[in-house]
């Protein structure tokens, strides 16, 4: 049941927040084999539930009173671990809440626990966690997507109303598509990143999962907005969400690189569904799409190399006292998994003096061209439609080559490069019953329009 439904029952006294929280805790326990949570705050959630019931009884309920939230384990919640699913941070507890968590608590939401993820948010399948992979809730042999797979599974399987994730190159939208939920990556700067452990600072963005677009909109309205603690946060003028007909650009079929036939068929139906809403759907060739993946991985790994340098066994993170050799090298070797080490090494390489101009400078130039291309597109259309992923959820262990894994982010990385908002919405399923996700991208500050349009599609599906 959505929070929109249960809030009315809480206010009327026909249901209690305490019973609701107990139900979520029971579902988390009953589905523990999914490995979606790394920490569950049973005592804290029950204590907050009693406080929420008292507020409802007194007529003093806040906007999100009694809503249950799950939080990706790279976002700080005071009193709960923040491990980033890495041995490097095992046992670490932050001394403060992230800004988005502070705003949720002030609005009456209940943080029920921390969700599993790819280590330091580096991965597309949730197989790189140091604490074991997350399993897809519909087929345990398949991946839920990454890096926010735990949050996606928590939302999809009824362990919370809304979950928080982070999206650096598709880490919310891709698992949302695999698991059949809505997944929002906001405009860069629309939500504060204060209290988010950085992977690639110019690309990272906290975002949302939910099976209810109404619940997602309620949370977004509470936690978005400028934060003086985050110099990259800002408050642009949100787009007006009216009932005017939309002009929606659609990627031509020729640009659906590597997509399964079932995904291509679903995309054709998706275009028809948009037209049925009254939108004018026009083909838009998106320039420079061949540069999306290499540009993203050069920028992301370069920033990761810099951001993770502080985890050296001296200032932060696991410390291994090596008998021979360097403490930092020993600590980072023991603390970081293979994928994190791979990306740090690649980032260090592209930033090195002999290769900086050849790789990093060129990637920055490509980023400008990609951003300019989007500016041109949104001068002609209101929104852009494309698939979220080339395939549905694949089997665990199926992608052993790192490059083939990275290519699963083909349709998502460009939004992070350009800083624009994007949403994945559930759109049917394949022959095996696995969810299919479709994507909408919009110009800066069009987050509300994206959610409203996704909601209209869901209601007519």
Protein backbone atom coordinates (compact mmCIF):
# COMPACT_ATOMS: atom_id res chain seq x y z
CA UNK A 1 0.00 0.00 0.00
CA UNK A 2 1.31 3.44 -0.89
CA UNK A 3 1.94 6.13 1.68
CA UNK A 4 -0.73 8.24 -0.03
CA UNK A 5 -3.25 5.54 0.94
CA UNK A 6 -1.95 4.78 4.42
CA UNK A 7 -1.64 8.44 5.46
CA UNK A 8 -5.44 8.76 5.31
CA UNK A 9 -5.81 5.65 7.49
CA UNK A 10 -3.26 7.00 9.98
CA UNK A 11 -5.11 10.30 10.27
CA UNK A 12 -8.50 8.61 10.76
CA UNK A 13 -7.14 6.20 13.35
CA UNK A 14 -8.16 3.10 11.39
CA UNK A 15 -4.49 2.11 11.11
CA UNK A 16 -1.35 2.97 13.03
CA UNK A 17 2.16 3.88 11.99
CA UNK A 18 3.42 1.33 14.50
CA UNK A 19 1.54 -1.49 12.73
CA UNK A 20 2.76 -0.21 9.37
CA UNK A 21 6.40 -0.20 10.50
CA UNK A 22 6.03 -3.67 12.01
CA UNK A 23 4.71 -4.85 8.65
CA UNK A 24 7.73 -3.44 6.82
CA UNK A 25 10.12 -4.97 9.36
CA UNK A 26 8.42 -8.35 8.91
CA UNK A 27 8.75 -8.15 5.13
CA UNK A 28 12.44 -7.24 5.44
CA UNK A 29 13.02 -10.24 7.73
CA UNK A 30 11.00 -12.59 5.52
CA UNK A 31 13.01 -11.58 2.44
CA UNK A 32 16.44 -11.49 4.04
CA UNK A 33 17.76 -13.90 1.40
CA UNK A 34 17.59 -11.04 -1.11
CA UNK A 35 20.43 -9.34 0.82
CA UNK A 36 18.89 -5.95 0.12
CA UNK A 37 19.75 -4.46 3.53
CA UNK A 38 23.12 -4.14 5.25
CA UNK A 39 21.64 -2.64 8.44
CA UNK A 40 18.09 -2.44 9.78
CA UNK A 41 17.22 0.05 12.53
CA UNK A 42 14.45 -1.95 14.23
CA UNK A 43 14.49 -0.11 17.57
CA UNK A 44 14.82 3.35 16.00
CA UNK A 45 12.01 2.72 13.49
CA UNK A 46 9.63 1.45 16.19
CA UNK A 47 10.45 4.39 18.44
CA UNK A 48 9.80 6.87 15.62
CA UNK A 49 6.56 5.05 14.75
CA UNK A 50 5.19 5.60 18.26
CA UNK A 51 6.06 9.29 18.03
CA UNK A 52 4.28 9.52 14.68
CA UNK A 53 1.15 7.88 16.11
CA UNK A 54 1.13 10.45 18.92
CA UNK A 55 1.39 13.26 16.36
CA UNK A 56 -1.53 11.88 14.34
CA UNK A 57 -3.61 11.55 17.51
CA UNK A 58 -2.84 15.21 18.36
CA UNK A 59 -3.43 16.47 14.81
CA UNK A 60 0.22 17.58 14.57
CA UNK A 61 1.33 15.30 11.74
CA UNK A 62 4.06 16.55 9.41
CA UNK A 63 4.04 16.15 5.58
CA UNK A 64 5.68 12.69 5.56
CA UNK A 65 4.58 11.51 9.00
CA UNK A 66 5.03 7.75 9.16
CA UNK A 67 6.48 7.25 5.67
CA UNK A 68 9.09 4.48 5.69
CA UNK A 69 12.33 5.20 3.82
CA UNK A 70 15.24 2.91 2.98
CA UNK A 71 18.61 4.57 2.40
CA UNK A 72 21.52 3.51 0.18
CA UNK A 73 24.60 2.81 2.25
CA UNK A 74 26.64 5.69 0.84
CA UNK A 75 24.30 8.32 2.36
CA UNK A 76 24.97 9.26 5.99
CA UNK A 77 22.36 8.45 8.63
CA UNK A 78 23.54 9.28 12.15
CA UNK A 79 23.66 6.18 14.32
CA UNK A 80 23.72 3.72 11.42
CA UNK A 81 26.78 2.42 9.55
CA UNK A 82 27.93 3.95 6.28
CA UNK A 83 30.11 1.30 4.65
CA UNK A 84 29.58 1.96 0.93
CA UNK A 85 29.45 -1.88 0.84
CA UNK A 86 33.25 -1.90 1.22
CA UNK A 87 35.67 -3.47 3.68
CA UNK A 88 37.45 -0.12 3.56
CA UNK A 89 34.65 1.45 5.66
CA UNK A 90 33.41 -1.58 7.56
CA UNK A 91 32.14 -0.49 10.98
CA UNK A 92 32.22 3.25 10.26
CA UNK A 93 29.37 5.32 11.70
CA UNK A 94 28.92 8.98 10.70
CA UNK A 95 28.38 11.68 13.31
CA UNK A 96 25.79 13.59 11.30
CA UNK A 97 22.88 13.15 8.92
CA UNK A 98 23.05 13.93 5.23
CA UNK A 99 20.95 16.99 4.40
CA UNK A 100 18.33 14.90 2.60
CA UNK A 101 18.04 12.66 5.69
CA UNK A 102 17.71 15.66 8.00
CA UNK A 103 14.89 17.01 5.83
CA UNK A 104 13.13 13.64 5.74
CA UNK A 105 13.29 13.27 9.53
CA UNK A 106 12.04 16.84 10.04
CA UNK A 107 9.08 15.98 7.79
CA UNK A 108 8.21 12.89 9.84
CA UNK A 109 9.70 10.13 7.68
CA UNK A 110 11.18 7.00 9.28
CA UNK A 111 14.55 5.69 8.05
CA UNK A 112 14.23 1.94 8.44
CA UNK A 113 17.74 0.91 7.37
CA UNK A 114 20.67 1.03 4.96
CA UNK A 115 20.58 -0.84 1.68
CA UNK A 116 23.24 -2.89 -0.08
CA UNK A 117 25.01 -1.53 -3.16
CA UNK A 118 27.93 -1.99 -5.50
CA UNK A 119 31.12 -1.09 -3.65
CA UNK A 120 31.56 2.69 -3.56
CA UNK A 121 28.72 2.83 -6.14
CA UNK A 122 30.96 1.32 -8.81
CA UNK A 123 29.03 -1.29 -10.76
CA UNK A 124 25.95 -1.97 -12.87
CA UNK A 125 24.72 -5.22 -11.34
CA UNK A 126 25.16 -5.09 -7.54
CA UNK A 127 27.71 -7.90 -7.72
CA UNK A 128 30.68 -5.91 -6.38
CA UNK A 129 29.45 -5.45 -2.80
CA UNK A 130 31.96 -6.72 -0.23
CA UNK A 131 28.99 -8.15 1.69
CA UNK A 132 27.55 -10.28 -1.09
CA UNK A 133 25.33 -9.51 -4.08
CA UNK A 134 21.72 -8.38 -3.96
CA UNK A 135 19.34 -10.86 -5.62
CA UNK A 136 16.54 -9.87 -7.96
CA UNK A 137 13.23 -10.18 -6.12
CA UNK A 138 11.53 -11.99 -9.03
CA UNK A 139 14.39 -14.31 -9.99
CA UNK A 140 17.18 -14.88 -7.48
CA UNK A 141 19.57 -16.00 -10.23
CA UNK A 142 19.43 -12.55 -11.82
CA UNK A 143 20.90 -9.20 -10.86
CA UNK A 144 18.74 -6.26 -9.69
CA UNK A 145 20.98 -3.72 -11.43
CA UNK A 146 23.42 -1.35 -9.84
CA UNK A 147 24.82 0.35 -8.12
CA UNK A 148 21.64 1.07 -6.12
CA UNK A 149 20.31 -2.49 -6.40
CA UNK A 150 19.47 -2.83 -2.72
CA UNK A 151 17.31 0.30 -2.79
CA UNK A 152 15.56 -0.87 -5.96
CA UNK A 153 14.75 -4.28 -4.48
CA UNK A 154 13.59 -2.70 -1.21
CA UNK A 155 11.09 -0.50 -3.05
CA UNK A 156 9.99 -3.19 -5.52
CA UNK A 157 9.39 -5.89 -2.90
CA UNK A 158 7.45 -3.80 -0.39
CA UNK A 159 10.17 -3.22 2.21
CA UNK A 160 9.61 0.56 2.25
CA UNK A 161 7.45 3.26 0.69
CA UNK A 162 10.36 5.09 -0.97
CA UNK A 163 14.08 4.43 -1.08
CA UNK A 164 17.04 6.70 -1.69
CA UNK A 165 19.83 5.88 -4.09
CA UNK A 166 22.60 7.69 -5.90
CA UNK A 167 22.97 8.01 -9.66
CA UNK A 168 26.40 8.69 -11.19
CA UNK A 169 25.80 7.16 -14.62
CA UNK A 170 22.45 5.40 -14.30
CA UNK A 171 22.71 3.78 -10.87
CA UNK A 172 19.10 4.62 -10.03
CA UNK A 173 17.41 4.35 -13.41
CA UNK A 174 19.03 1.06 -14.48
CA UNK A 175 18.05 -0.93 -11.34
CA UNK A 176 14.63 0.76 -11.38
CA UNK A 177 14.15 -0.61 -14.91
CA UNK A 178 15.37 -4.08 -13.93
CA UNK A 179 13.11 -4.21 -10.85
CA UNK A 180 9.98 -2.51 -12.19
CA UNK A 181 9.87 0.71 -10.16
CA UNK A 182 10.03 4.41 -10.90
CA UNK A 183 13.56 5.77 -10.60
CA UNK A 184 14.37 9.49 -10.63
CA UNK A 185 17.75 11.13 -11.23
CA UNK A 186 17.12 14.83 -10.51
CA UNK A 187 18.68 17.85 -12.15
CA UNK A 188 22.28 18.18 -10.94
CA UNK A 189 22.21 20.39 -7.85
CA UNK A 190 18.47 20.01 -7.26
CA UNK A 191 19.11 17.77 -4.24
CA UNK A 192 21.93 18.38 -1.80
CA UNK A 193 24.85 15.95 -1.95
CA UNK A 194 26.03 16.88 1.56
CA UNK A 195 26.45 13.60 3.41
CA UNK A 196 26.78 11.51 0.23
CA UNK A 197 30.12 9.70 -0.04
CA UNK A 198 31.50 10.96 -3.34
CA UNK A 199 32.28 8.73 -6.29
CA UNK A 200 32.45 11.32 -9.12
CA UNK A 201 31.42 14.69 -7.74
CA UNK A 202 30.41 16.35 -11.02
CA UNK A 203 28.17 13.40 -11.91
CA UNK A 204 26.78 12.09 -8.58
CA UNK A 205 23.19 12.88 -7.66
CA UNK A 206 20.95 11.54 -4.89
CA UNK A 207 17.62 10.32 -6.25
CA UNK A 208 14.53 8.23 -5.54
CA UNK A 209 12.89 4.83 -6.09
CA UNK A 210 9.21 4.12 -5.56
CA UNK A 211 6.38 2.02 -6.95
CA UNK A 212 4.14 5.11 -6.49
CA UNK A 213 4.75 8.32 -8.41
CA UNK A 214 2.65 10.20 -5.83
CA UNK A 215 4.93 9.06 -3.01
CA UNK A 216 7.98 10.00 -5.07
CA UNK A 217 6.60 13.48 -5.70
CA UNK A 218 5.88 13.98 -1.99
CA UNK A 219 9.43 13.07 -1.02
CA UNK A 220 10.96 15.14 -3.82
CA UNK A 221 9.10 18.26 -2.70
CA UNK A 222 10.49 17.86 0.83
CA UNK A 223 14.15 17.10 0.15
CA UNK A 224 14.92 19.14 -2.97
CA UNK A 225 16.16 22.71 -2.87
CA UNK A 226 19.25 24.73 -2.08
CA UNK A 227 21.51 23.67 0.78
CA UNK A 228 24.17 26.07 2.09
CA UNK A 229 26.25 23.01 3.08
CA UNK A 230 26.59 21.97 -0.59
CA UNK A 231 28.23 24.51 -2.88
CA UNK A 232 26.95 22.65 -5.95
CA UNK A 233 23.31 22.78 -4.89
CA UNK A 234 21.14 25.43 -6.42
CA UNK A 235 17.51 26.32 -6.91
CA UNK A 236 16.46 26.97 -10.48
CA UNK A 237 12.93 27.85 -11.47
CA UNK A 238 10.95 24.58 -11.73
CA UNK A 239 8.95 24.04 -14.89
CA UNK A 240 5.24 24.63 -14.67
CA UNK A 241 3.35 21.34 -14.97
CA UNK A 242 0.26 22.10 -17.00
CA UNK A 243 -2.03 20.08 -19.21
CA UNK A 244 -0.70 21.52 -22.47
CA UNK A 245 0.20 18.97 -25.17
CA UNK A 246 3.83 17.96 -25.06
CA UNK A 247 6.24 17.65 -27.94
CA UNK A 248 8.40 14.62 -27.20
CA UNK A 249 11.51 13.64 -29.11
CA UNK A 250 12.15 9.93 -29.58
CA UNK A 251 15.42 8.28 -30.50
CA UNK A 252 15.06 6.64 -33.93
CA UNK A 253 15.25 2.86 -34.02
CA UNK A 254 18.65 3.12 -35.72
CA UNK A 255 20.16 4.45 -32.46
CA UNK A 256 18.97 1.56 -30.29
CA UNK A 257 22.47 0.09 -30.17
CA UNK A 258 22.65 -3.42 -28.75
CA UNK A 259 19.01 -3.61 -27.67
CA UNK A 260 17.21 -6.96 -27.46
CA UNK A 261 14.32 -7.33 -29.89
CA UNK A 262 11.84 -7.40 -27.01
CA UNK A 263 13.21 -4.04 -25.86
CA UNK A 264 12.84 -2.61 -29.36
CA UNK A 265 9.24 -3.85 -29.53
CA UNK A 266 8.51 -2.33 -26.11
CA UNK A 267 10.06 0.97 -27.19
CA UNK A 268 7.77 1.07 -30.23
CA UNK A 269 4.77 0.53 -27.92
CA UNK A 270 6.14 3.21 -25.59
CA UNK A 271 6.17 5.75 -28.42
CA UNK A 272 2.56 4.85 -29.16
CA UNK A 273 1.62 5.26 -25.49
CA UNK A 274 3.16 8.74 -25.42
CA UNK A 275 1.18 9.68 -28.52
CA UNK A 276 -1.99 8.33 -26.88
CA UNK A 277 -1.46 10.84 -24.06
CA UNK A 278 -1.81 13.58 -26.65
CA UNK A 279 1.91 14.20 -27.11
CA UNK A 280 3.41 14.93 -30.50
CA UNK A 281 6.16 12.33 -30.89
CA UNK A 282 8.94 13.20 -33.35
CA UNK A 283 12.18 11.42 -34.23
CA UNK A 284 15.24 13.17 -32.82
CA UNK A 285 18.71 11.91 -33.67
CA UNK A 286 20.87 12.51 -30.60
CA UNK A 287 24.33 13.70 -31.68
CA UNK A 288 27.56 12.31 -30.22
CA UNK A 289 25.90 9.23 -28.71
CA UNK A 290 28.97 7.19 -29.66
CA UNK A 291 30.99 9.29 -27.18
CA UNK A 292 28.69 8.82 -24.18
CA UNK A 293 30.33 5.73 -22.67
CA UNK A 294 34.02 6.69 -23.17
CA UNK A 295 33.39 10.27 -22.00
CA UNK A 296 31.58 9.08 -18.90
CA UNK A 297 34.17 6.51 -17.88
CA UNK A 298 37.12 8.86 -18.35
CA UNK A 299 35.46 11.59 -16.27
CA UNK A 300 34.04 9.23 -13.63
CA UNK A 301 37.23 7.26 -13.07
CA UNK A 302 39.36 10.43 -12.95
CA UNK A 303 37.13 11.91 -10.25
CA UNK A 304 36.96 8.58 -8.40
CA UNK A 305 40.75 8.41 -8.32
CA UNK A 306 40.83 11.83 -6.64
CA UNK A 307 37.89 11.29 -4.29
CA UNK A 308 39.04 7.91 -3.02
CA UNK A 309 42.65 9.01 -2.45
CA UNK A 310 41.76 9.93 1.15
CA UNK A 311 41.05 6.27 1.96
CA UNK A 312 44.69 5.49 2.54
CA UNK A 313 44.83 3.70 5.88
CA UNK A 314 46.21 6.85 7.52
CA UNK A 315 43.53 9.53 7.28
CA UNK A 316 40.45 7.41 6.61
CA UNK A 317 39.44 3.81 6.15
CA UNK A 318 40.83 0.39 6.89
CA UNK A 319 44.42 0.30 8.17
CA UNK A 320 46.63 -2.69 7.48
CA UNK A 321 50.00 -2.64 9.21
CA UNK A 322 52.26 -4.22 6.64
CA UNK A 323 55.47 -5.79 7.90
CA UNK A 324 57.22 -4.89 4.68
CA UNK A 325 56.22 -2.15 2.30
CA UNK A 326 53.83 0.73 2.37
CA UNK A 327 50.84 0.93 4.78
CA UNK A 328 48.75 2.80 2.21
CA UNK A 329 49.32 0.22 -0.52
CA UNK A 330 48.56 -2.66 1.85
CA UNK A 331 45.43 -0.95 3.22
CA UNK A 332 44.01 -0.06 -0.19
CA UNK A 333 44.75 -3.54 -1.55
CA UNK A 334 42.91 -5.15 1.36
CA UNK A 335 40.12 -2.58 1.58
CA UNK A 336 39.09 -2.08 -2.05
CA UNK A 337 37.54 -4.72 -4.30
CA UNK A 338 38.59 -5.47 -7.87
CA UNK A 339 36.19 -3.09 -9.62
CA UNK A 340 37.10 -0.16 -7.37
CA UNK A 341 40.80 -0.84 -7.88
CA UNK A 342 40.25 -1.06 -11.65
CA UNK A 343 38.54 2.34 -11.77
CA UNK A 344 41.09 4.03 -9.50
CA UNK A 345 43.92 2.77 -11.70
CA UNK A 346 42.17 3.88 -14.88
CA UNK A 347 41.43 7.30 -13.37
CA UNK A 348 45.00 7.73 -12.19
CA UNK A 349 46.22 6.84 -15.69
CA UNK A 350 44.04 9.39 -17.52
CA UNK A 351 45.09 12.12 -15.06
CA UNK A 352 48.81 11.36 -15.31
CA UNK A 353 51.06 14.02 -16.82
CA UNK A 354 51.68 12.19 -20.06
CA UNK A 355 48.02 11.40 -20.78
CA UNK A 356 45.98 14.20 -19.17
CA UNK A 357 45.47 16.15 -22.41
CA UNK A 358 45.00 13.05 -24.54
CA UNK A 359 42.20 11.67 -22.39
CA UNK A 360 40.84 13.88 -19.59
CA UNK A 361 40.95 17.19 -21.51
CA UNK A 362 39.33 15.57 -24.54
CA UNK A 363 36.62 14.05 -22.35
CA UNK A 364 35.84 17.50 -20.95
CA UNK A 365 35.57 18.83 -24.50
CA UNK A 366 33.26 15.95 -25.41
CA UNK A 367 31.18 16.72 -22.33
CA UNK A 368 30.61 20.25 -23.61
CA UNK A 369 29.48 18.92 -27.00
CA UNK A 370 27.08 16.47 -25.38
CA UNK A 371 25.62 19.23 -23.19
CA UNK A 372 25.29 21.57 -26.16
CA UNK A 373 23.52 18.83 -28.12
CA UNK A 374 20.95 18.48 -25.34
CA UNK A 375 20.45 22.25 -25.24
CA UNK A 376 19.69 22.16 -28.96
CA UNK A 377 17.31 19.19 -28.57
CA UNK A 378 15.34 20.84 -25.76
CA UNK A 379 15.02 23.93 -27.88
CA UNK A 380 12.92 21.79 -30.24
CA UNK A 381 11.10 19.36 -27.91
CA UNK A 382 9.90 19.35 -24.30
CA UNK A 383 11.19 15.89 -23.35
CA UNK A 384 13.27 13.08 -24.85
CA UNK A 385 12.18 9.42 -24.79
CA UNK A 386 14.48 6.40 -24.98
CA UNK A 387 14.85 2.97 -23.37
CA UNK A 388 16.48 2.82 -19.95
CA UNK A 389 18.52 -0.32 -20.64
CA UNK A 390 19.38 -2.41 -23.71
CA UNK A 391 18.11 -5.61 -22.00
CA UNK A 392 16.11 -6.75 -19.02
CA UNK A 393 17.85 -8.10 -15.91
CA UNK A 394 20.64 -10.50 -16.82
CA UNK A 395 21.85 -13.53 -14.91
CA UNK A 396 24.38 -13.06 -12.15
CA UNK A 397 27.89 -13.70 -13.48
CA UNK A 398 26.82 -13.35 -17.11
CA UNK A 399 28.93 -10.26 -17.80
CA UNK A 400 32.52 -11.15 -16.92
CA UNK A 401 34.09 -8.56 -19.23
CA UNK A 402 34.11 -5.10 -17.55
CA UNK A 403 33.49 -3.31 -20.87
CA UNK A 404 30.35 -5.34 -21.61
CA UNK A 405 29.11 -4.47 -18.12
CA UNK A 406 29.80 -0.77 -18.67
CA UNK A 407 27.82 -0.85 -21.96
CA UNK A 408 24.65 -1.68 -20.01
CA UNK A 409 24.70 2.02 -18.99
CA UNK A 410 24.60 3.22 -22.61
CA UNK A 411 21.21 4.98 -22.38
CA UNK A 412 21.71 6.49 -18.92
CA UNK A 413 25.17 8.09 -18.69
CA UNK A 414 24.43 11.05 -20.97
CA UNK A 415 21.97 12.60 -18.49
CA UNK A 416 24.69 12.69 -15.83
CA UNK A 417 27.23 14.13 -18.25
CA UNK A 418 24.84 16.96 -19.14
CA UNK A 419 23.40 17.38 -15.61
CA UNK A 420 19.80 17.05 -16.82
CA UNK A 421 17.00 15.19 -14.97
CA UNK A 422 15.78 11.77 -16.10
CA UNK A 423 13.27 9.20 -14.91
CA UNK A 424 12.83 5.49 -15.58
CA UNK A 425 9.30 4.17 -15.50
CA UNK A 426 8.01 0.58 -15.62
CA UNK A 427 6.60 -0.36 -19.01
CA UNK A 428 5.47 -3.96 -19.17
CA UNK A 429 7.64 -7.07 -19.07
CA UNK A 430 9.48 -9.46 -21.36
CA UNK A 431 8.55 -13.04 -22.22
CA UNK A 432 10.17 -14.26 -18.98
CA UNK A 433 8.09 -11.86 -16.89
CA UNK A 434 11.01 -9.56 -16.12
CA UNK A 435 10.25 -5.83 -15.93
CA UNK A 436 11.04 -3.48 -18.81
CA UNK A 437 11.90 0.15 -18.10
CA UNK A 438 11.55 3.15 -20.38
CA UNK A 439 13.15 6.54 -19.84
CA UNK A 440 12.22 10.19 -20.12
CA UNK A 441 14.87 12.92 -20.06
CA UNK A 442 14.17 16.63 -19.76
CA UNK A 443 15.89 20.01 -19.67
CA UNK A 444 17.31 21.43 -16.45
CA UNK A 445 14.68 21.92 -13.71
CA UNK A 446 11.97 19.88 -15.49
CA UNK A 447 11.92 17.24 -12.71
CA UNK A 448 8.26 17.87 -11.83
CA UNK A 449 7.23 17.60 -15.49
CA UNK A 450 9.08 14.27 -15.79
CA UNK A 451 7.33 12.83 -12.73
CA UNK A 452 3.93 14.11 -13.83
CA UNK A 453 4.32 12.65 -17.32
CA UNK A 454 5.55 9.31 -15.93
CA UNK A 455 2.55 9.27 -13.61
CA UNK A 456 0.12 9.89 -16.49
CA UNK A 457 1.67 7.03 -18.44
CA UNK A 458 1.40 4.70 -15.45
CA UNK A 459 -2.27 5.55 -14.92
CA UNK A 460 -3.13 4.80 -18.56
CA UNK A 461 -1.01 1.65 -18.90
